[in-house]
Amino acid sequence: MQLGLLMFGTIGSMLLVSVSCKNVYVVGDKLGWNIPSQTGFFDDWAKNKTFVVGDELLFQYHPGLNTVVMVDKEDYENCATMRIIRSFINGNSPVVLDKPGDNYFFSSIGKHCENGVKLHIVVADQPKSSN
């Protein structure tokens, strides 16, 4: 009985560790979530990254000067806020990527979105194997 509990506890601990592992990505690196010098900056930033469920995006910005809204594809393409999924306004906003698929973000302040403060990423269910 004790051996069974020990094995169950060990396996449970291993599962807990594998679920809690994640990467934290500072969106835009040193630029943060601010107006870039080129409109494709955030697409380029995300291009060589693999995002998986459990990873976290950290949007760094000053409250009152920027926001982060998570929207659907149509709102993203039109810089519109008709169907906001989530909204962040307090600065340095962490967003845990909790499901696979497309995720769309932009700043809803003024013309920030039109000036390139927008990000589309695809979240994978599992990390890609290195084999």
C-alpha atoms as a PDB file:
ATOM      1  CA  MET A   1       0.000   0.000   0.000  1.00  0.00           C
ATOM      2  CA  GLN A   2       2.766   2.439   0.932  1.00  0.00           C
ATOM      3  CA  LEU A   3       4.665   1.647  -2.278  1.00  0.00           C
ATOM      4  CA  GLY A   4       1.517   2.358  -4.311  1.00  0.00           C
ATOM      5  CA  LEU A   5       1.029   5.721  -2.598  1.00  0.00           C
ATOM      6  CA  LEU A   6       4.699   6.565  -3.123  1.00  0.00           C
ATOM      7  CA  MET A   7       4.472   5.753  -6.835  1.00  0.00           C
ATOM      8  CA  PHE A   8       1.198   7.676  -7.181  1.00  0.00           C
ATOM      9  CA  GLY A   9       2.748  10.704  -5.421  1.00  0.00           C
ATOM     10  CA  THR A  10       5.847  10.558  -7.622  1.00  0.00           C
ATOM     11  CA  ILE A  11       3.820  10.349 -10.837  1.00  0.00           C
ATOM     12  CA  GLY A  12       1.534  13.151  -9.613  1.00  0.00           C
ATOM     13  CA  SER A  13       4.556  15.345  -8.906  1.00  0.00           C
ATOM     14  CA  MET A  14       5.971  14.662 -12.369  1.00  0.00           C
ATOM     15  CA  LEU A  15       2.650  15.607 -13.974  1.00  0.00           C
ATOM     16  CA  LEU A  16       2.443  18.789 -11.901  1.00  0.00           C
ATOM     17  CA  VAL A  17       5.930  19.818 -12.991  1.00  0.00           C
ATOM     18  CA  SER A  18       5.229  19.188 -16.670  1.00  0.00           C
ATOM     19  CA  VAL A  19       1.957  21.177 -16.578  1.00  0.00           C
ATOM     20  CA  SER A  20       3.436  24.141 -14.731  1.00  0.00           C
ATOM     21  CA  CYS A  21       6.436  24.558 -17.082  1.00  0.00           C
ATOM     22  CA  LYS A  22       6.019  27.541 -19.355  1.00  0.00           C
ATOM     23  CA  ASN A  23       7.876  30.235 -21.215  1.00  0.00           C
ATOM     24  CA  VAL A  24       7.331  33.909 -20.537  1.00  0.00           C
ATOM     25  CA  TYR A  25       7.667  36.142 -23.596  1.00  0.00           C
ATOM     26  CA  VAL A  26       8.043  39.901 -23.187  1.00  0.00           C
ATOM     27  CA  VAL A  27       6.109  41.127 -26.207  1.00  0.00           C
ATOM     28  CA  GLY A  28       8.353  43.302 -28.352  1.00  0.00           C
ATOM     29  CA  ASP A  29      11.378  42.600 -26.146  1.00  0.00           C
ATOM     30  CA  LYS A  30      13.062  45.963 -25.343  1.00  0.00           C
ATOM     31  CA  LEU A  31      10.473  48.011 -27.256  1.00  0.00           C
ATOM     32  CA  GLY A  32       7.671  46.579 -25.166  1.00  0.00           C
ATOM     33  CA  TRP A  33       4.080  47.164 -26.234  1.00  0.00           C
ATOM     34  CA  ASN A  34       4.687  50.549 -27.862  1.00  0.00           C
ATOM     35  CA  ILE A  35       4.437  52.062 -31.336  1.00  0.00           C
ATOM     36  CA  PRO A  36       7.184  50.507 -33.475  1.00  0.00           C
ATOM     37  CA  SER A  37       9.168  52.199 -36.235  1.00  0.00           C
ATOM     38  CA  GLN A  38       7.681  49.736 -38.764  1.00  0.00           C
ATOM     39  CA  THR A  39       4.143  48.366 -38.808  1.00  0.00           C
ATOM     40  CA  GLY A  40       5.243  44.715 -39.152  1.00  0.00           C
ATOM     41  CA  PHE A  41       7.477  44.830 -36.083  1.00  0.00           C
ATOM     42  CA  PHE A  42       5.355  42.571 -33.851  1.00  0.00           C
ATOM     43  CA  ASP A  43       4.825  40.033 -36.675  1.00  0.00           C
ATOM     44  CA  ASP A  44       8.604  39.885 -37.090  1.00  0.00           C
ATOM     45  CA  TRP A  45       9.039  39.563 -33.309  1.00  0.00           C
ATOM     46  CA  ALA A  46       6.730  36.518 -33.201  1.00  0.00           C
ATOM     47  CA  LYS A  47       7.895  34.899 -36.441  1.00  0.00           C
ATOM     48  CA  ASN A  48      10.563  32.542 -35.052  1.00  0.00           C
ATOM     49  CA  LYS A  49       8.845  31.760 -31.769  1.00  0.00           C
ATOM     50  CA  THR A  50       6.769  28.687 -30.980  1.00  0.00           C
ATOM     51  CA  PHE A  51       3.976  29.452 -28.529  1.00  0.00           C
ATOM     52  CA  VAL A  52       2.325  26.566 -26.685  1.00  0.00           C
ATOM     53  CA  VAL A  53      -0.548  26.241 -24.243  1.00  0.00           C
ATOM     54  CA  GLY A  54       0.701  27.374 -20.818  1.00  0.00           C
ATOM     55  CA  ASP A  55       3.127  29.978 -22.169  1.00  0.00           C
ATOM     56  CA  GLU A  56       2.670  33.557 -21.044  1.00  0.00           C
ATOM     57  CA  LEU A  57       2.851  36.809 -22.976  1.00  0.00           C
ATOM     58  CA  LEU A  58       3.881  39.837 -20.940  1.00  0.00           C
ATOM     59  CA  PHE A  59       2.721  43.106 -22.487  1.00  0.00           C
ATOM     60  CA  GLN A  60       4.820  45.933 -20.999  1.00  0.00           C
ATOM     61  CA  TYR A  61       3.288  49.403 -21.288  1.00  0.00           C
ATOM     62  CA  HIS A  62       2.365  52.423 -19.190  1.00  0.00           C
ATOM     63  CA  PRO A  63      -1.233  52.519 -17.908  1.00  0.00           C
ATOM     64  CA  GLY A  64      -3.230  55.274 -19.565  1.00  0.00           C
ATOM     65  CA  LEU A  65      -0.834  55.405 -22.530  1.00  0.00           C
ATOM     66  CA  ASN A  66      -1.656  52.005 -23.972  1.00  0.00           C
ATOM     67  CA  THR A  67      -3.982  49.010 -23.654  1.00  0.00           C
ATOM     68  CA  VAL A  68      -4.126  45.414 -24.795  1.00  0.00           C
ATOM     69  CA  VAL A  69      -7.322  43.985 -26.212  1.00  0.00           C
ATOM     70  CA  MET A  70      -7.756  40.396 -27.307  1.00  0.00           C
ATOM     71  CA  VAL A  71     -10.172  40.207 -30.227  1.00  0.00           C
ATOM     72  CA  ASP A  72     -11.340  37.960 -33.042  1.00  0.00           C
ATOM     73  CA  LYS A  73      -9.743  37.923 -36.499  1.00  0.00           C
ATOM     74  CA  GLU A  74     -12.188  40.388 -38.072  1.00  0.00           C
ATOM     75  CA  ASP A  75     -11.697  43.003 -35.345  1.00  0.00           C
ATOM     76  CA  TYR A  76      -7.924  42.465 -35.569  1.00  0.00           C
ATOM     77  CA  GLU A  77      -7.862  43.032 -39.330  1.00  0.00           C
ATOM     78  CA  ASN A  78      -9.980  46.191 -39.006  1.00  0.00           C
ATOM     79  CA  CYS A  79      -8.516  47.526 -35.720  1.00  0.00           C
ATOM     80  CA  ALA A  80     -12.074  47.426 -34.388  1.00  0.00           C
ATOM     81  CA  THR A  81     -13.371  46.777 -30.884  1.00  0.00           C
ATOM     82  CA  MET A  82     -16.769  45.276 -31.700  1.00  0.00           C
ATOM     83  CA  ARG A  83     -16.025  41.838 -30.214  1.00  0.00           C
ATOM     84  CA  ILE A  84     -13.462  42.209 -27.420  1.00  0.00           C
ATOM     85  CA  ILE A  85     -12.626  38.874 -25.801  1.00  0.00           C
ATOM     86  CA  ARG A  86     -10.398  40.276 -23.033  1.00  0.00           C
ATOM     87  CA  SER A  87      -9.144  43.725 -22.149  1.00  0.00           C
ATOM     88  CA  PHE A  88      -6.107  44.902 -20.151  1.00  0.00           C
ATOM     89  CA  ILE A  89      -5.494  48.497 -19.052  1.00  0.00           C
ATOM     90  CA  ASN A  90      -3.266  48.405 -15.962  1.00  0.00           C
ATOM     91  CA  GLY A  91       0.181  48.122 -17.601  1.00  0.00           C
ATOM     92  CA  ASN A  92       2.569  45.163 -17.575  1.00  0.00           C
ATOM     93  CA  SER A  93      -0.245  42.748 -18.350  1.00  0.00           C
ATOM     94  CA  PRO A  94       0.440  38.998 -18.305  1.00  0.00           C
ATOM     95  CA  VAL A  95      -1.674  36.847 -20.618  1.00  0.00           C
ATOM     96  CA  VAL A  96      -1.543  33.078 -20.172  1.00  0.00           C
ATOM     97  CA  LEU A  97      -2.106  31.249 -23.440  1.00  0.00           C
ATOM     98  CA  ASP A  98      -4.710  28.763 -22.288  1.00  0.00           C
ATOM     99  CA  LYS A  99      -5.893  27.151 -25.528  1.00  0.00           C
ATOM    100  CA  PRO A 100      -4.465  26.279 -28.929  1.00  0.00           C
ATOM    101  CA  GLY A 101      -5.246  28.291 -32.038  1.00  0.00           C
ATOM    102  CA  ASP A 102      -5.055  31.853 -33.309  1.00  0.00           C
ATOM    103  CA  ASN A 103      -4.798  34.727 -30.842  1.00  0.00           C
ATOM    104  CA  TYR A 104      -5.194  38.366 -31.860  1.00  0.00           C
ATOM    105  CA  PHE A 105      -4.138  41.389 -29.794  1.00  0.00           C
ATOM    106  CA  PHE A 106      -3.872  45.125 -30.381  1.00  0.00           C
ATOM    107  CA  SER A 107      -3.796  48.453 -28.603  1.00  0.00           C
ATOM    108  CA  SER A 108      -7.146  50.244 -28.602  1.00  0.00           C
ATOM    109  CA  ILE A 109      -5.657  53.686 -27.887  1.00  0.00           C
ATOM    110  CA  GLY A 110      -6.046  56.204 -30.719  1.00  0.00           C
ATOM    111  CA  LYS A 111      -4.410  54.989 -33.944  1.00  0.00           C
ATOM    112  CA  HIS A 112      -1.901  52.682 -32.192  1.00  0.00           C
ATOM    113  CA  CYS A 113      -3.326  49.603 -33.933  1.00  0.00           C
ATOM    114  CA  GLU A 114      -3.149  51.238 -37.356  1.00  0.00           C
ATOM    115  CA  ASN A 115       0.446  52.229 -36.528  1.00  0.00           C
ATOM    116  CA  GLY A 116       1.468  48.633 -35.852  1.00  0.00           C
ATOM    117  CA  VAL A 117       0.723  47.936 -32.184  1.00  0.00           C
ATOM    118  CA  LYS A 118      -0.931  44.620 -33.015  1.00  0.00           C
ATOM    119  CA  LEU A 119       0.049  40.982 -32.701  1.00  0.00           C
ATOM    120  CA  HIS A 120      -1.251  37.737 -34.168  1.00  0.00           C
ATOM    121  CA  ILE A 121       0.154  34.465 -32.850  1.00  0.00           C
ATOM    122  CA  VAL A 122      -0.713  30.808 -33.259  1.00  0.00           C
ATOM    123  CA  VAL A 123      -0.629  28.721 -30.089  1.00  0.00           C
ATOM    124  CA  ALA A 124       0.213  25.029 -30.412  1.00  0.00           C
ATOM    125  CA  ASP A 125      -1.283  22.387 -28.146  1.00  0.00           C
ATOM    126  CA  GLN A 126       2.083  20.695 -27.523  1.00  0.00           C
ATOM    127  CA  PRO A 127       5.708  21.780 -27.975  1.00  0.00           C
ATOM    128  CA  LYS A 128       7.217  20.587 -31.246  1.00  0.00           C
ATOM    129  CA  SER A 129       9.429  17.552 -30.853  1.00  0.00           C
ATOM    130  CA  SER A 130      13.132  18.075 -31.538  1.00  0.00           C
ATOM    131  CA  ASN A 131      13.408  14.577 -33.100  1.00  0.00           C
END
